[in-house]
Amino acid sequence: MKTNATIITLIALLTVSANSNAFERDSLVKGTEYSHGGFGGFTTKTTNLNGKTETMVGGKGAWLVNHNVYLGMAGYGTKNNVNNTEMDMGYGGVLAGYIFNPQKILHYNVELLVGAGGLGDSNHQNNNNCDDPNGDAFAVIEPGANVSFAVTKYSDVSLGVSYRYVQETNQVNLSDSDLSGWSVNTSIVFGKF
């Protein structure tokens, strides 16, 4: 009798133990395994500023989740000539995007930069083109799309377009539309995709 009770107790413990490993809690949001990575690199933008073609240089970096969704920062800058005055212009902000078909050699993405920028006299003298002699700050929103080519497992080269919306400039001789415009972008980024 004692032996039967011991065997029954062991079987019950093994059954409870086996069932506890298979337990999965129901919840509104199901948990899944996510892969994480990131990338960073350099970008050039050919764009129109105040009726002139200019080249902006900069970079971007982002945290990548599940090979598709990324969130990071980006920034770009240039020098240009406005009414015979050498001006510095730069902008940057938060960058968010989505990569379609990241497993393919040729893939594409859409992204959005939301941030701020500044325009000032590069000679650090009083700026006659701006109401504020220390320079001008403005808001920027820039949606874009890129086609990328996976050169190696850890690097991509891309070509894309974006449109820069500039708002709240405080310029005497420049409007928001003079600083807004299309850009043709080339990038090289390195990371874990």
Protein backbone atom coordinates (compact mmCIF):
# COMPACT_ATOMS: atom_id res chain seq x y z
CA MET A 1 0.00 0.00 0.00
CA LYS A 2 2.85 2.33 0.88
CA THR A 3 4.55 1.53 -2.44
CA ASN A 4 1.37 2.28 -4.42
CA ALA A 5 0.96 5.64 -2.64
CA THR A 6 4.60 6.53 -3.41
CA ILE A 7 4.19 5.62 -7.11
CA ILE A 8 0.95 7.59 -7.39
CA THR A 9 2.58 10.62 -5.69
CA LEU A 10 5.59 10.45 -8.08
CA ILE A 11 3.32 10.20 -11.12
CA ALA A 12 1.28 13.18 -9.88
CA LEU A 13 4.44 15.27 -9.30
CA LEU A 14 5.82 14.38 -12.75
CA THR A 15 2.48 15.27 -14.37
CA VAL A 16 2.33 18.65 -12.59
CA SER A 17 5.99 19.31 -13.44
CA ALA A 18 5.47 18.44 -17.13
CA ASN A 19 2.40 20.65 -17.36
CA SER A 20 4.10 23.61 -15.67
CA ASN A 21 6.74 23.73 -18.43
CA ALA A 22 4.04 23.86 -21.12
CA PHE A 23 2.18 26.74 -19.46
CA GLU A 24 1.69 29.82 -21.66
CA ARG A 25 -0.23 32.73 -20.26
CA ASP A 26 -2.97 34.26 -22.38
CA SER A 27 -2.62 37.99 -22.85
CA LEU A 28 -3.94 40.77 -25.02
CA VAL A 29 -0.52 41.33 -26.67
CA LYS A 30 1.34 38.14 -27.50
CA GLY A 31 5.07 38.09 -26.85
CA THR A 32 7.37 37.34 -29.77
CA GLU A 33 11.09 37.09 -30.34
CA TYR A 34 12.55 40.29 -31.76
CA SER A 35 15.88 40.72 -33.46
CA HIS A 36 17.79 43.91 -32.82
CA GLY A 37 20.48 45.65 -34.82
CA GLY A 38 21.56 49.07 -35.88
CA PHE A 39 23.33 51.08 -38.54
CA GLY A 40 25.10 54.36 -39.13
CA GLY A 41 26.70 56.11 -42.05
CA PHE A 42 27.16 59.09 -44.33
CA THR A 43 24.77 60.90 -46.68
CA THR A 44 25.09 63.56 -49.37
CA LYS A 45 22.08 65.53 -50.60
CA THR A 46 21.93 67.45 -53.86
CA THR A 47 19.22 70.04 -53.35
CA ASN A 48 17.96 73.47 -54.35
CA LEU A 49 18.42 76.27 -51.82
CA ASN A 50 17.22 79.76 -52.77
CA GLY A 51 17.32 78.92 -56.48
CA LYS A 52 20.83 77.41 -56.43
CA THR A 53 21.89 73.77 -56.53
CA GLU A 54 23.78 72.92 -53.33
CA THR A 55 25.34 69.83 -51.81
CA MET A 56 24.62 69.03 -48.18
CA VAL A 57 26.63 66.45 -46.25
CA GLY A 58 25.71 64.63 -43.09
CA GLY A 59 24.99 61.35 -41.45
CA LYS A 60 22.42 59.16 -39.82
CA GLY A 61 22.30 56.38 -37.27
CA ALA A 62 19.46 54.22 -36.02
CA TRP A 63 18.40 51.27 -33.90
CA LEU A 64 16.81 48.53 -36.05
CA VAL A 65 14.09 46.16 -34.80
CA ASN A 66 13.12 42.94 -36.64
CA HIS A 67 15.12 43.99 -39.72
CA ASN A 68 12.30 46.41 -40.69
CA VAL A 69 11.58 49.26 -38.28
CA TYR A 70 14.23 51.81 -37.33
CA LEU A 71 14.44 54.84 -35.06
CA GLY A 72 17.42 57.13 -34.75
CA MET A 73 18.91 60.55 -35.51
CA ALA A 74 20.12 62.32 -38.67
CA GLY A 75 21.71 65.67 -39.48
CA TYR A 76 22.92 67.57 -42.55
CA GLY A 77 24.66 70.84 -43.33
CA THR A 78 26.08 73.10 -46.05
CA LYS A 79 27.50 76.52 -46.80
CA ASN A 80 25.77 78.61 -49.43
CA ASN A 81 25.91 82.14 -50.79
CA VAL A 82 22.85 84.31 -50.09
CA ASN A 83 23.03 87.85 -51.48
CA ASN A 84 26.87 87.80 -51.48
CA THR A 85 26.99 86.58 -47.88
CA GLU A 86 28.41 83.15 -47.04
CA MET A 87 25.77 81.35 -44.95
CA ASP A 88 25.86 78.14 -42.91
CA MET A 89 22.73 76.02 -42.97
CA GLY A 90 22.17 72.85 -41.04
CA TYR A 91 19.32 70.76 -39.73
CA GLY A 92 18.71 67.46 -37.98
CA GLY A 93 16.33 65.55 -35.81
CA VAL A 94 14.63 62.27 -35.08
CA LEU A 95 14.60 59.76 -37.93
CA ALA A 96 12.03 56.94 -38.23
CA GLY A 97 11.65 54.48 -41.08
CA TYR A 98 10.51 51.13 -42.42
CA ILE A 99 12.51 48.77 -44.68
CA PHE A 100 10.59 46.60 -47.15
CA ASN A 101 12.06 43.18 -48.05
CA PRO A 102 15.26 43.63 -45.98
CA GLN A 103 16.38 40.07 -46.82
CA LYS A 104 16.72 40.92 -50.53
CA ILE A 105 19.90 42.32 -52.13
CA LEU A 106 17.82 45.15 -53.62
CA HIS A 107 15.36 46.57 -51.08
CA TYR A 108 13.70 49.89 -50.36
CA ASN A 109 12.60 51.99 -47.42
CA VAL A 110 10.52 55.00 -46.48
CA GLU A 111 11.58 57.36 -43.71
CA LEU A 112 10.65 60.60 -41.98
CA LEU A 113 12.90 63.16 -40.29
CA VAL A 114 11.30 65.60 -37.84
CA GLY A 115 13.54 68.23 -36.29
CA ALA A 116 14.98 71.71 -36.40
CA GLY A 117 17.68 73.65 -38.18
CA GLY A 118 19.56 76.87 -38.27
CA LEU A 119 20.87 79.43 -40.74
CA GLY A 120 23.63 81.90 -39.90
CA ASP A 121 26.47 84.03 -41.23
CA SER A 122 29.57 81.81 -41.48
CA ASN A 123 31.82 84.83 -40.93
CA HIS A 124 30.19 85.27 -37.47
CA GLN A 125 29.51 88.93 -38.22
CA ASN A 126 26.19 90.68 -38.05
CA ASN A 127 23.86 89.02 -40.50
CA ASN A 128 22.05 91.66 -42.58
CA ASN A 129 19.77 89.01 -44.11
CA CYS A 130 18.25 87.96 -40.81
CA ASP A 131 16.15 89.84 -38.25
CA ASP A 132 18.25 88.15 -35.54
CA PRO A 133 22.01 88.94 -35.90
CA ASN A 134 22.89 85.62 -34.19
CA GLY A 135 21.19 83.53 -36.88
CA ASP A 136 17.84 81.92 -37.50
CA ALA A 137 16.22 78.72 -36.22
CA PHE A 138 13.48 76.87 -38.08
CA ALA A 139 11.43 73.66 -38.00
CA VAL A 140 12.00 70.87 -40.53
CA ILE A 141 9.94 67.88 -41.66
CA GLU A 142 11.49 65.69 -44.37
CA PRO A 143 9.80 62.55 -45.74
CA GLY A 144 11.82 60.41 -48.13
CA ALA A 145 12.19 57.09 -49.95
CA ASN A 146 15.33 55.14 -50.86
CA VAL A 147 16.35 52.13 -52.90
CA SER A 148 19.22 50.24 -51.25
CA PHE A 149 21.73 47.66 -52.46
CA ALA A 150 23.26 45.24 -49.93
CA VAL A 151 26.96 45.37 -50.83
CA THR A 152 27.96 43.07 -47.96
CA LYS A 153 26.20 41.55 -44.98
CA TYR A 154 27.17 44.66 -43.00
CA SER A 155 26.89 47.53 -45.54
CA ASP A 156 24.28 49.13 -47.79
CA VAL A 157 24.52 51.77 -50.52
CA SER A 158 21.34 53.69 -51.31
CA LEU A 159 19.92 56.27 -53.69
CA GLY A 160 16.76 58.17 -52.84
CA VAL A 161 14.67 61.32 -52.86
CA SER A 162 13.22 63.45 -50.09
CA TYR A 163 11.34 66.69 -49.71
CA ARG A 164 12.40 69.19 -47.03
CA TYR A 165 9.57 71.29 -45.54
CA VAL A 166 11.03 74.31 -43.71
CA GLN A 167 8.82 76.47 -41.50
CA GLU A 168 9.26 79.49 -39.27
CA THR A 169 12.31 81.08 -40.91
CA ASN A 170 13.01 84.60 -39.73
CA GLN A 171 14.73 85.92 -42.84
CA VAL A 172 14.39 89.31 -44.51
CA ASN A 173 15.34 88.08 -48.00
CA LEU A 174 14.41 84.37 -47.72
CA SER A 175 11.08 82.65 -47.29
CA ASP A 176 10.28 79.14 -46.05
CA SER A 177 9.82 78.03 -49.67
CA ASP A 178 13.35 79.27 -50.57
CA LEU A 179 14.80 76.78 -48.07
CA SER A 180 12.30 73.98 -48.76
CA GLY A 181 12.71 71.62 -51.70
CA TRP A 182 13.50 68.26 -53.23
CA SER A 183 16.78 66.45 -52.58
CA VAL A 184 18.47 63.58 -54.38
CA ASN A 185 20.29 61.57 -51.72
CA THR A 186 23.11 59.03 -51.74
CA SER A 187 24.08 57.13 -48.60
CA ILE A 188 26.43 54.44 -47.39
CA VAL A 189 25.64 52.84 -44.05
CA PHE A 190 27.29 50.12 -42.00
CA GLY A 191 25.77 47.97 -39.30
CA LYS A 192 23.90 44.84 -38.29
CA PHE A 193 20.84 44.58 -40.47
